[in-house]
Amino acid sequence: MSRKRRNFSAKFKSDLVIDLLKGEKDLNTLATENNIQPNLLRNWKREFLNNASAVFDD
């Protein structure tokens, strides 16, 4: 029996990464509270920071 792959919205991902960057909660706490793997949140953070400069492109 296969598990269904979960899809997360861009808003959900960005909200979690912003919460992580605020530093009020650590990565493991945020991941546990949102029922995701810490590595997934770590990957989202890396992608968010790598693409942050695109916001200011013309």
Protein backbone atom coordinates (compact mmCIF):
# COMPACT_ATOMS: atom_id res chain seq x y z
CA MET A 1 0.00 0.00 0.00
CA SER A 2 1.58 3.28 -1.08
CA ARG A 3 1.37 6.55 0.78
CA LYS A 4 0.00 9.64 -0.91
CA ARG A 5 2.59 12.36 -1.42
CA ARG A 6 1.65 15.54 0.39
CA ASN A 7 1.78 18.90 -1.40
CA PHE A 8 2.40 22.10 0.52
CA SER A 9 1.42 25.54 -0.69
CA ALA A 10 4.01 28.22 -1.28
CA LYS A 11 2.36 30.32 1.45
CA PHE A 12 2.67 27.49 3.98
CA LYS A 13 6.34 26.99 3.11
CA SER A 14 7.21 30.68 3.24
CA ASP A 15 5.34 31.21 6.52
CA LEU A 16 7.29 28.38 8.15
CA VAL A 17 10.63 29.62 6.81
CA ILE A 18 9.90 33.15 8.02
CA ASP A 19 9.00 31.79 11.46
CA LEU A 20 12.28 29.87 11.44
CA LEU A 21 14.28 32.94 10.45
CA LYS A 22 12.68 34.97 13.24
CA GLY A 23 14.42 32.64 15.66
CA GLU A 24 11.57 32.35 18.15
CA LYS A 25 11.43 28.57 17.66
CA ASP A 26 14.11 26.19 16.49
CA LEU A 27 13.93 24.05 13.38
CA ASN A 28 13.01 20.80 15.17
CA THR A 29 10.20 22.45 17.11
CA LEU A 30 8.65 24.00 14.01
CA ALA A 31 8.94 20.74 12.10
CA THR A 32 7.32 18.73 14.88
CA GLU A 33 4.49 21.22 15.36
CA ASN A 34 3.69 21.10 11.64
CA ASN A 35 4.16 17.35 11.22
CA ILE A 36 6.98 17.59 8.68
CA GLN A 37 10.55 16.31 8.62
CA PRO A 38 13.27 18.72 9.77
CA ASN A 39 15.23 18.10 6.56
CA LEU A 40 12.26 19.26 4.51
CA LEU A 41 12.12 22.54 6.42
CA ARG A 42 15.90 22.90 6.10
CA ASN A 43 15.61 22.46 2.32
CA TRP A 44 12.82 25.04 2.13
CA LYS A 45 14.96 27.51 4.07
CA ARG A 46 17.92 26.98 1.73
CA GLU A 47 15.72 27.44 -1.35
CA PHE A 48 14.10 30.54 0.16
CA LEU A 49 17.45 32.19 0.90
CA ASN A 50 18.95 31.23 -2.48
CA ASN A 51 16.02 32.82 -4.32
CA ALA A 52 15.52 35.86 -2.09
CA SER A 53 17.41 38.17 -4.44
CA ALA A 54 14.86 37.44 -7.20
CA VAL A 55 12.37 39.64 -5.33
CA PHE A 56 14.46 42.71 -6.15
CA ASP A 57 15.17 41.88 -9.81
CA ASP A 58 13.65 44.20 -12.38
